[in-house]
Protein backbone atom coordinates (compact mmCIF):
# COMPACT_ATOMS: atom_id res chain seq x y z
CA MET A 1 106.64 -20.10 122.19
CA ASN A 2 109.25 -22.78 121.29
CA LEU A 3 106.36 -25.09 120.43
CA VAL A 4 105.04 -22.87 117.62
CA ASN A 5 108.33 -21.70 116.13
CA ARG A 6 108.36 -24.58 113.66
CA TYR A 7 104.94 -23.48 112.34
CA LEU A 8 105.71 -19.75 112.00
CA VAL A 9 107.01 -18.29 108.74
CA LYS A 10 108.00 -14.65 108.34
CA ASN A 11 107.74 -12.85 105.02
CA GLU A 12 111.08 -11.09 104.90
CA SER A 13 109.90 -8.29 102.62
CA SER A 14 106.68 -7.38 104.48
CA GLY A 15 107.58 -8.63 107.95
CA ILE A 16 104.14 -10.30 108.22
CA PHE A 17 104.01 -13.66 109.98
CA TYR A 18 102.30 -16.69 108.45
CA VAL A 19 101.42 -20.07 109.89
CA ARG A 20 102.28 -23.15 107.87
CA LEU A 21 100.84 -26.48 108.98
CA ASN A 22 101.66 -29.70 107.15
CA ILE A 23 98.69 -31.97 106.60
CA PRO A 24 99.46 -35.50 107.87
CA PRO A 25 100.33 -37.85 104.96
CA ASP A 26 97.39 -40.15 105.72
CA LEU A 27 95.01 -37.21 105.10
CA HIS A 28 96.48 -35.95 101.80
CA HIS A 29 93.86 -37.89 99.83
CA HIS A 30 91.10 -36.14 101.76
CA PHE A 31 92.28 -32.55 101.35
CA GLY A 32 94.09 -32.79 98.02
CA ILE A 33 96.87 -30.56 99.43
CA LYS A 34 99.93 -31.20 101.58
CA ALA A 35 100.06 -28.04 103.69
CA LEU A 36 97.99 -25.12 104.93
CA LYS A 37 99.33 -21.58 104.92
CA ARG A 38 97.59 -18.54 106.38
CA SER A 39 98.55 -14.95 107.08
CA LEU A 40 98.41 -14.00 110.75
CA LYS A 41 98.18 -10.31 109.83
CA THR A 42 100.76 -9.17 112.34
CA ARG A 43 104.43 -8.27 112.51
CA ASP A 44 104.54 -8.91 116.26
CA LYS A 45 105.99 -12.35 116.98
CA LEU A 46 104.20 -12.75 120.31
CA ASP A 47 100.80 -12.00 118.78
CA ALA A 48 101.64 -14.28 115.86
CA GLY A 49 102.58 -17.10 118.22
CA ILE A 50 99.34 -16.85 120.17
CA ASN A 51 97.18 -16.88 117.05
CA CYS A 52 99.30 -19.62 115.55
CA LEU A 53 98.38 -21.82 118.53
CA ARG A 54 94.68 -21.14 117.98
CA PHE A 55 94.94 -21.95 114.27
CA ILE A 56 96.81 -25.22 114.81
CA GLN A 57 94.48 -26.38 117.54
CA ARG A 58 91.43 -25.73 115.38
CA TYR A 59 92.75 -27.70 112.42
CA LYS A 60 94.13 -30.55 114.48
CA HIS A 61 90.55 -31.05 115.69
CA GLU A 62 89.53 -31.09 112.03
CA PHE A 63 92.18 -33.71 111.27
CA ALA A 64 90.83 -35.90 114.06
CA ARG A 65 87.30 -35.59 112.66
CA VAL A 66 88.43 -36.52 109.16
CA ARG A 67 90.31 -39.57 110.45
CA SER A 68 87.03 -40.94 111.78
CA MET A 69 85.61 -41.03 108.25
CA PRO A 70 86.04 -43.93 105.74
CA LYS A 71 89.47 -43.79 104.15
CA ASN A 72 88.36 -43.40 100.53
CA HIS A 73 85.53 -41.01 101.34
CA ARG A 74 85.75 -37.46 100.03
CA LEU A 75 85.57 -34.83 102.74
CA GLY A 76 82.41 -33.58 101.01
CA PHE A 77 81.99 -30.29 102.86
CA ILE A 78 83.52 -28.13 105.52
CA THR A 79 81.57 -26.33 108.25
CA VAL A 80 83.39 -23.40 109.81
CA LYS A 81 82.37 -21.19 112.71
CA SER A 82 83.46 -17.80 113.97
CA ASN A 83 81.85 -16.16 116.98
CA ASN A 84 78.12 -16.49 116.25
CA SER A 85 78.48 -17.09 112.50
CA GLU A 86 78.58 -20.44 110.74
CA VAL A 87 78.81 -21.48 107.10
CA THR A 88 78.95 -24.81 105.24
CA ILE A 89 81.06 -24.94 102.07
CA ASP A 90 80.66 -27.65 99.42
CA THR A 91 81.87 -26.92 95.87
CA GLY A 92 82.49 -30.56 94.99
CA ASP A 93 86.24 -30.03 95.24
CA ASP A 94 87.97 -30.63 98.57
CA GLU A 95 90.91 -28.37 97.88
CA LYS A 96 88.59 -25.53 96.79
CA ASP A 97 86.36 -26.10 99.85
CA PHE A 98 89.32 -25.85 102.16
CA GLU A 99 90.67 -22.73 100.47
CA LEU A 100 87.29 -20.96 100.67
CA ALA A 101 86.79 -22.04 104.30
CA ASN A 102 90.19 -20.67 105.19
CA LYS A 103 89.44 -17.33 103.55
CA TRP A 104 85.97 -17.07 105.14
CA GLN A 105 87.32 -17.73 108.61
CA GLU A 106 90.13 -15.25 108.06
CA GLN A 107 87.57 -12.59 107.13
CA HIS A 108 85.19 -13.34 110.01
CA THR A 109 87.64 -14.00 112.86
CA PRO A 110 89.36 -10.87 114.16
CA ILE A 111 93.06 -11.48 114.62
CA ASP A 112 93.79 -10.21 118.10
CA THR A 113 95.05 -11.64 121.34
CA HIS A 114 91.90 -11.11 123.36
CA GLN A 115 88.74 -13.04 124.06
CA SER A 116 85.69 -11.48 122.44
CA SER A 117 83.74 -11.91 125.70
CA ASN A 118 86.30 -10.06 127.77
CA GLN A 119 88.74 -7.67 126.16
CA SER A 120 91.04 -7.80 129.18
CA LEU A 121 91.82 -11.51 128.78
CA GLN A 122 94.68 -12.65 126.59
CA SER A 123 95.18 -16.04 125.00
CA THR A 124 97.84 -17.89 126.96
CA ALA A 125 99.01 -21.44 126.39
CA LEU A 126 97.82 -23.77 129.14
CA SER A 127 101.35 -25.08 129.50
CA VAL A 128 102.51 -21.52 130.29
CA ILE A 129 99.80 -21.11 132.94
CA VAL A 130 100.83 -24.41 134.50
CA ASP A 131 104.48 -23.38 134.62
CA LYS A 132 103.70 -20.02 136.21
CA TYR A 133 101.43 -21.60 138.83
CA CYS A 134 103.92 -24.31 139.72
CA GLU A 135 106.82 -21.88 139.85
CA GLU A 136 104.91 -19.67 142.29
CA GLN A 137 104.00 -22.59 144.56
CA GLU A 138 107.56 -23.90 144.54
CA SER A 139 109.20 -20.50 145.09
CA THR A 140 106.99 -19.85 148.14
CA ASN A 141 107.60 -23.35 149.52
CA ALA A 142 103.87 -24.05 149.39
CA TRP A 143 104.67 -27.58 148.18
CA THR A 144 107.13 -30.18 149.34
CA GLU A 145 109.38 -31.71 146.69
CA LYS A 146 107.10 -34.73 146.56
CA SER A 147 103.98 -32.59 146.20
CA ALA A 148 105.57 -30.55 143.41
CA GLN A 149 106.29 -33.72 141.43
CA GLU A 150 102.77 -35.00 141.98
CA TYR A 151 101.12 -31.72 140.97
CA ARG A 152 103.27 -31.40 137.84
CA ALA A 153 102.39 -34.98 136.85
CA VAL A 154 98.68 -34.16 137.22
CA TYR A 155 99.03 -31.10 135.00
CA ALA A 156 101.12 -32.97 132.42
CA LEU A 157 98.27 -35.48 132.11
CA LEU A 158 95.77 -32.62 131.83
CA ILE A 159 97.69 -31.22 128.85
CA ASP A 160 98.04 -34.70 127.31
CA ILE A 161 94.27 -35.13 127.47
CA LEU A 162 93.30 -31.64 126.23
CA GLY A 163 96.13 -31.22 123.73
CA ALA A 164 99.57 -29.64 123.84
CA LEU A 165 98.41 -26.55 121.95
CA ILE A 166 95.40 -25.74 124.15
CA THR A 167 95.17 -22.13 125.29
CA SER A 168 93.23 -20.24 127.94
CA ILE A 169 90.57 -19.06 125.48
CA ASP A 170 89.95 -22.63 124.31
CA LEU A 171 88.86 -23.81 127.76
CA ASN A 172 85.16 -24.53 127.99
CA TYR A 173 82.77 -26.86 129.78
CA GLY A 174 82.94 -29.37 126.95
CA LEU A 175 86.68 -29.73 127.44
CA SER A 176 86.33 -30.02 131.21
CA ARG A 177 83.75 -32.78 130.79
CA ARG A 178 86.03 -34.57 128.35
CA TYR A 179 88.86 -34.35 130.85
CA LYS A 180 86.75 -35.90 133.60
CA GLU A 181 85.38 -38.63 131.33
CA THR A 182 88.90 -39.50 130.18
CA LEU A 183 90.24 -39.60 133.74
CA LEU A 184 87.61 -42.19 134.63
CA LYS A 185 88.92 -44.49 131.88
CA ILE A 186 92.71 -44.23 132.01
CA PRO A 187 94.75 -46.93 133.81
CA PRO A 188 97.32 -46.15 136.52
CA HIS A 189 101.09 -45.82 136.02
CA LEU A 190 100.91 -44.28 132.54
CA ASN A 191 104.55 -43.15 132.71
CA LYS A 192 105.92 -46.29 134.32
CA LYS A 193 104.67 -49.19 132.20
CA SER A 194 106.65 -49.80 129.03
CA GLU A 195 103.56 -51.08 127.19
CA TYR A 196 102.13 -47.52 127.20
CA ARG A 197 105.18 -45.84 125.69
CA GLY A 198 104.50 -44.16 122.40
CA LEU A 199 100.73 -44.62 122.67
CA SER A 200 98.18 -41.82 122.71
CA ILE A 201 95.72 -41.49 125.59
CA GLY A 202 93.00 -42.88 123.33
CA ASP A 203 95.11 -45.90 122.37
CA ILE A 204 95.90 -46.60 126.03
CA ILE A 205 92.23 -46.46 127.00
CA ALA A 206 91.40 -48.79 124.11
CA LEU A 207 93.53 -51.49 125.74
CA GLY A 208 90.74 -51.88 128.27
CA HIS A 209 92.91 -52.00 131.39
CA THR A 210 91.49 -51.36 134.87
CA PRO A 211 91.18 -47.58 135.38
CA ILE A 212 92.62 -45.52 138.20
CA SER A 213 90.71 -45.42 141.47
CA THR A 214 87.95 -42.94 142.19
CA THR A 215 90.15 -41.50 144.93
CA THR A 216 92.88 -40.76 142.38
CA VAL A 217 90.36 -39.20 139.98
CA LYS A 218 89.14 -36.92 142.79
CA LYS A 219 92.73 -35.92 143.59
CA HIS A 220 93.39 -35.00 139.94
CA ILE A 221 90.19 -32.96 139.66
CA THR A 222 90.90 -31.15 142.93
CA ARG A 223 94.42 -30.21 141.83
CA VAL A 224 93.28 -29.04 138.40
CA GLY A 225 90.58 -27.02 140.14
CA SER A 226 93.24 -25.32 142.26
CA LEU A 227 95.21 -24.47 139.12
CA MET A 228 92.16 -22.98 137.43
CA SER A 229 91.13 -20.99 140.51
CA TRP A 230 94.61 -19.49 140.55
CA ALA A 231 94.39 -18.78 136.80
CA LYS A 232 91.07 -16.99 137.30
CA ARG A 233 92.43 -14.89 140.18
CA HIS A 234 95.40 -13.90 138.05
CA GLY A 235 93.35 -12.91 135.01
CA TYR A 236 94.20 -15.75 132.64
CA ILE A 237 90.63 -17.06 132.43
CA GLU A 238 87.21 -15.59 133.05
CA ASP A 239 85.47 -18.71 134.34
CA ASN A 240 86.75 -21.81 136.09
CA VAL A 241 85.09 -24.45 133.92
CA PHE A 242 86.57 -27.20 136.09
CA GLU A 243 84.68 -26.06 139.17
CA GLY A 244 82.02 -28.48 140.35
CA LEU A 245 83.41 -31.50 138.48
CA GLN A 246 84.19 -33.39 141.68
CA LEU A 247 82.73 -36.86 142.04
CA LYS A 248 80.24 -37.55 144.79
CA SER A 249 81.64 -39.26 147.87
CA ASN A 250 80.76 -42.88 148.48
CA LYS A 251 77.74 -43.07 150.74
CA GLY A 252 78.51 -44.19 154.25
CA LYS A 253 82.26 -43.69 153.88
CA SER A 254 83.84 -41.32 156.41
CA ALA A 255 87.38 -40.06 156.86
CA ALA A 256 87.63 -42.04 160.06
CA LYS A 257 87.46 -45.25 157.98
CA GLU A 258 90.53 -44.44 155.89
CA ARG A 259 92.76 -46.02 158.54
CA TYR A 260 91.79 -48.30 161.40
CA PRO A 261 92.97 -47.60 164.95
CA PHE A 262 95.04 -50.15 166.81
CA ASP A 263 92.96 -52.12 169.28
CA GLN A 264 94.20 -53.06 172.75
CA PHE A 265 95.55 -56.41 171.55
CA ASP A 266 97.56 -54.68 168.79
CA ILE A 267 99.03 -52.19 171.25
CA ASP A 268 99.92 -54.89 173.77
CA THR A 269 101.60 -56.88 171.00
CA ILE A 270 103.60 -53.88 169.75
CA PHE A 271 104.95 -52.91 173.15
CA LYS A 272 105.60 -56.49 174.22
CA THR A 273 107.97 -56.76 171.27
CA ASN A 274 109.49 -53.33 170.70
CA SER A 275 111.29 -53.29 174.05
CA ARG A 276 113.67 -55.88 172.56
CA LEU A 277 114.52 -53.79 169.50
CA LYS A 278 118.06 -52.44 169.32
CA LYS A 279 117.72 -49.21 167.32
CA GLU A 280 116.66 -46.20 169.31
CA TYR A 281 114.08 -44.93 166.81
CA GLN A 282 112.46 -48.38 166.71
CA LYS A 283 112.07 -48.33 170.48
CA TRP A 284 110.85 -44.77 170.92
CA LEU A 285 108.75 -44.01 167.83
CA PRO A 286 105.88 -46.44 168.68
CA MET A 287 105.80 -45.10 172.23
CA LEU A 288 105.77 -41.49 171.03
CA GLY A 289 103.09 -42.31 168.45
CA TYR A 290 100.88 -43.90 171.11
CA TYR A 291 101.35 -41.22 173.77
CA THR A 292 101.29 -38.08 171.57
CA GLY A 293 99.13 -38.92 168.57
CA ALA A 294 101.67 -37.09 166.40
CA ARG A 295 102.32 -37.90 162.75
CA ILE A 296 105.34 -40.07 162.05
CA ASN A 297 107.33 -37.36 160.26
CA GLU A 298 106.57 -34.84 163.02
CA LEU A 299 108.33 -37.26 165.38
CA CYS A 300 111.16 -38.31 163.06
CA GLN A 301 112.21 -34.69 162.42
CA LEU A 302 112.32 -33.62 166.08
CA HIS A 303 115.40 -31.80 167.30
CA LEU A 304 116.66 -32.29 170.83
CA SER A 305 115.79 -28.65 171.46
CA ASP A 306 112.16 -29.46 170.66
CA ILE A 307 111.87 -31.42 173.90
CA GLN A 308 111.33 -28.64 176.42
CA LYS A 309 110.09 -28.00 179.94
CA ASP A 310 107.76 -25.23 181.07
CA GLY A 311 107.34 -25.20 184.82
CA ASP A 312 106.45 -28.74 185.84
CA PHE A 313 105.54 -29.90 182.35
CA TRP A 314 107.73 -31.54 179.74
CA TYR A 315 106.40 -31.20 176.19
CA LEU A 316 107.19 -31.68 172.51
CA ASP A 317 107.41 -28.43 170.57
CA ILE A 318 106.18 -29.52 167.13
CA ASN A 319 107.29 -26.84 164.70
CA ASP A 320 108.89 -26.11 161.33
CA ASP A 321 111.35 -23.52 162.61
CA THR A 322 114.31 -25.00 160.71
CA ASP A 323 114.70 -25.65 156.99
CA ASP A 324 114.79 -29.43 157.40
CA LYS A 325 111.35 -29.60 159.03
CA ARG A 326 107.95 -29.56 157.43
CA LEU A 327 104.40 -29.65 158.74
CA LYS A 328 101.17 -30.64 157.06
CA THR A 329 99.48 -27.31 157.84
CA THR A 330 100.27 -24.16 159.80
CA SER A 331 97.86 -25.32 162.50
CA SER A 332 100.09 -28.37 163.02
CA ARG A 333 102.41 -26.17 165.10
CA ARG A 334 101.63 -27.06 168.69
CA ARG A 335 102.92 -28.11 172.10
CA VAL A 336 102.14 -31.67 173.13
CA PRO A 337 102.76 -32.56 176.81
CA ILE A 338 104.87 -35.65 177.42
CA HIS A 339 102.84 -38.38 179.14
CA ASN A 340 104.00 -39.45 182.60
CA ALA A 341 104.50 -43.00 181.32
CA LEU A 342 107.00 -41.73 178.73
CA VAL A 343 108.95 -39.93 181.42
CA SER A 344 109.03 -43.02 183.65
CA SER A 345 110.13 -45.13 180.67
CA GLY A 346 113.32 -43.06 180.44
CA PHE A 347 112.52 -40.81 177.48
CA ILE A 348 113.68 -37.59 179.14
CA GLN A 349 116.84 -39.32 180.34
CA HIS A 350 117.47 -40.52 176.78
CA VAL A 351 117.14 -36.93 175.53
CA ASN A 352 119.53 -35.68 178.20
CA ASP A 353 122.07 -38.39 177.30
CA LEU A 354 121.96 -37.42 173.61
CA THR A 355 122.33 -33.75 174.49
CA ALA A 356 125.39 -34.51 176.62
CA LEU A 357 126.99 -36.51 173.79
CA ASP A 358 126.65 -33.47 171.50
CA VAL A 359 126.92 -35.60 168.35
CA SER A 360 123.78 -34.36 166.61
CA ASP A 361 121.04 -31.82 167.24
CA ARG A 362 118.37 -34.33 166.18
CA LEU A 363 116.50 -36.83 168.36
CA PHE A 364 116.87 -39.58 165.74
CA PRO A 365 120.07 -38.77 163.82
CA GLU A 366 120.10 -42.28 162.31
CA LEU A 367 117.08 -41.39 160.15
CA PRO A 368 118.22 -39.68 156.93
CA SER A 369 116.31 -36.96 155.14
CA SER A 370 114.59 -37.79 151.86
CA ARG A 371 112.17 -36.12 149.50
CA ASP A 372 109.28 -36.67 151.93
CA GLY A 373 111.10 -35.70 155.12
CA TYR A 374 112.69 -38.03 157.66
CA ALA A 375 110.00 -40.72 157.91
CA LYS A 376 110.78 -42.94 154.89
CA ASN A 377 112.97 -45.55 156.60
CA ALA A 378 110.97 -45.50 159.82
CA SER A 379 107.70 -45.95 157.98
CA ARG A 380 109.07 -48.90 156.00
CA TRP A 381 110.47 -50.49 159.13
CA PHE A 382 107.20 -50.18 161.03
CA SER A 383 105.21 -51.64 158.14
CA THR A 384 107.44 -54.73 158.15
CA PHE A 385 107.56 -54.86 161.95
CA LYS A 386 103.78 -54.89 162.45
CA SER A 387 103.35 -57.60 159.83
CA ASP A 388 106.07 -59.70 161.46
CA ILE A 389 104.25 -59.58 164.81
CA GLY A 390 100.92 -60.55 163.27
CA ILE A 391 99.23 -57.21 162.55
CA THR A 392 98.55 -57.77 158.86
CA ASP A 393 95.52 -55.55 158.23
CA SER A 394 96.51 -53.15 155.43
CA LYS A 395 94.28 -50.47 156.98
CA LYS A 396 96.55 -50.37 160.03
CA SER A 397 99.78 -48.39 159.88
CA PHE A 398 101.79 -46.05 162.10
CA HIS A 399 99.02 -43.52 161.51
CA SER A 400 96.70 -45.89 163.41
CA PHE A 401 98.32 -44.63 166.62
CA ARG A 402 96.79 -41.26 165.80
CA HIS A 403 93.31 -42.74 165.54
CA SER A 404 93.77 -44.80 168.69
CA PHE A 405 94.90 -41.67 170.53
CA VAL A 406 91.67 -39.88 169.64
CA ASP A 407 89.53 -42.91 170.52
CA TYR A 408 91.12 -43.31 173.95
CA LEU A 409 90.74 -39.61 174.79
CA LYS A 410 87.12 -39.60 173.68
CA ALA A 411 86.47 -42.64 175.86
CA ALA A 412 88.09 -40.76 178.77
CA LYS A 413 85.59 -37.90 178.21
CA VAL A 414 88.27 -35.38 177.19
CA GLU A 415 86.65 -32.30 175.66
CA PRO A 416 86.76 -32.22 171.83
CA HIS A 417 88.50 -28.82 171.75
CA LEU A 418 91.33 -30.19 173.91
CA ILE A 419 91.72 -33.22 171.66
CA SER A 420 91.85 -30.73 168.80
CA ALA A 421 94.66 -28.81 170.46
CA LEU A 422 96.69 -31.98 170.95
CA MET A 423 96.16 -33.15 167.37
CA GLY A 424 97.00 -29.95 165.54
CA HIS A 425 93.84 -29.17 163.55
CA THR A 426 91.74 -26.03 163.63
CA ASP A 427 88.26 -27.32 162.86
CA ASN A 428 86.55 -28.73 165.93
CA SER A 429 83.91 -30.35 163.78
CA ILE A 430 86.67 -32.39 162.21
CA THR A 431 87.83 -33.59 165.62
CA THR A 432 84.61 -35.43 166.43
CA GLY A 433 85.06 -37.50 163.29
CA ARG A 434 88.79 -37.27 162.85
CA TYR A 435 91.04 -34.69 164.57
CA GLY A 436 91.19 -31.03 165.77
CA SER A 437 93.29 -28.10 167.15
CA GLY A 438 93.45 -25.18 169.55
CA GLU A 439 95.60 -23.05 171.86
CA TRP A 440 95.37 -24.13 175.51
CA GLU A 441 97.48 -24.02 178.67
CA LEU A 442 99.93 -26.85 179.22
CA ASP A 443 98.35 -27.90 182.51
CA GLN A 444 95.00 -28.46 180.76
CA LEU A 445 96.65 -30.37 177.93
CA SER A 446 98.80 -32.42 180.32
CA GLU A 447 95.78 -33.41 182.39
CA SER A 448 94.01 -34.49 179.21
CA ILE A 449 96.88 -36.46 177.74
CA ASN A 450 97.54 -38.33 180.98
CA LYS A 451 94.04 -39.78 180.78
CA LEU A 452 95.48 -41.98 178.06
CA PRO A 453 95.99 -45.42 179.70
CA PRO A 454 99.67 -46.44 180.09
CA HIS A 455 100.67 -49.31 177.84
CA ARG A 456 101.01 -52.69 179.50
CA GLN A 457 104.57 -53.67 180.38
CA PRO A 458 105.83 -56.93 178.83
C-alpha cells in the first residue's frame, strides 16, 4: 500500500477516505482542472487503498488516450463504463464533462473489494501477488539464487509493461495480448544499457533496436504463466488469461539440436591435450563428462563420499544431500557406475589420495561456490580450452559430452530405459530425442556404461 499512500486523503471529521490524483501539467489545458478528487466511501484504509488503485489505473489510461490527441484540441466528450452500462457525456465544457462523468461512475460502480463476477475474489495489486509467489518459491528452495533473480526480473518487466498500479481484477485477455505483443518488440538488456535509462517501454521500442530472441520471449511467457497458475490456485484470480499465449515452436527444430555432440575427432583432440594440464579438475572433468554423461555442476559439486563402491562396482552417487549441492530436478538423483577406463586411468586412486590427505571433503576443492553452484570457473576454463585446441563451434560446450554419451550408447544398442537411468530423467520418450531416467541395478547400468568406447590414449 506504500504506492497509494500519496494519493489517499482522509477527512479527519468523517473518517472517510478520498483519492486525490493530480492531472499532469501537460493535460491541464484539456481538462481545465489540476486535480481529481473522489470519495472512496469507506473508513477502512485497506479497502480505500484497493479502490484507490483501481481509480488511478482507470484515469491514467484516460491520460494516455488524451495525450494521443492534438495538443490544442478540446477533449470534446468523455465515455465512461461501469459493468454493463456505458454513457457518453458532452456538455461543451471539459471541466463539467469530467465532473459529471466522475459522479456517474461513482453512482454506478459499487465500491467494494470484490470482483462482480466472483464475490470471493478480492482486488490485489499485481506487485503483491508477485512478491507472495516469489517469497514462497524462495522460502521452499524451489529456485536457485540465479533463478530467483531471473524470475523477479521477468515479473518486474511484466509490471513495467502492464503498469505499476495494475491489480488482479484488471487482468484480462486484452492485457495479456498487449504483454505478448510488447515482448516481441523490446530489445535485450533493458536494465544494463545506459541509453535506456529513464525511458518508458514505449520510448525504448520506438528506438527500433533489434528485439529479444523468440527463445527469450517464450521463457518470459512461460514464467508469467507459472505465476498466474499459482495466483489462480491461491484464489487471487479466476482465470489465467496468460494461458495459451506461448509461441509456436520453429518447425523442424528439436531439443537435440540445441547443442551439438562432440565427434570422434573432437574427443581425440580433447584427451590428447588434457593429459598435459596441471590442475586436477582440468584433467578429470572432461574424462568424467565423457564417461558419465553428467552435467558439469553435478561433477564439480561432488564430495569424496559420493564416490562409493557397492560389491564389485564403483559408482558416482549424484545427490543434493548437503546444502551446497543442487540438482536440476528430483529425478537427477541417481547412481552412475564408473567406467573401467576411468578406474584404469587412476581416478579411484586419486580419490583415495585426497581422502587420505583429509584437506577437504570435496573432489575438486579448488572450485569455489558461486550463485550458480561450483561450475562457473570450470565452465569458463573449458570454453577457452576447447577454442584453444581448435573446437570453435559455438554449439559445442561441456554439455556436448552429455549428447555424445547418449549417441554412443544408442549406437551400442543400449536400451533407452537404461540410458534414461544413467542420464537422470524420468520420461523415456525424452530419452530417444534427448535424455531419460530410471531405477536399475548397478550391474545392468555398469554393463551398459562400459559399452562406451574408451578414449584413445595420446
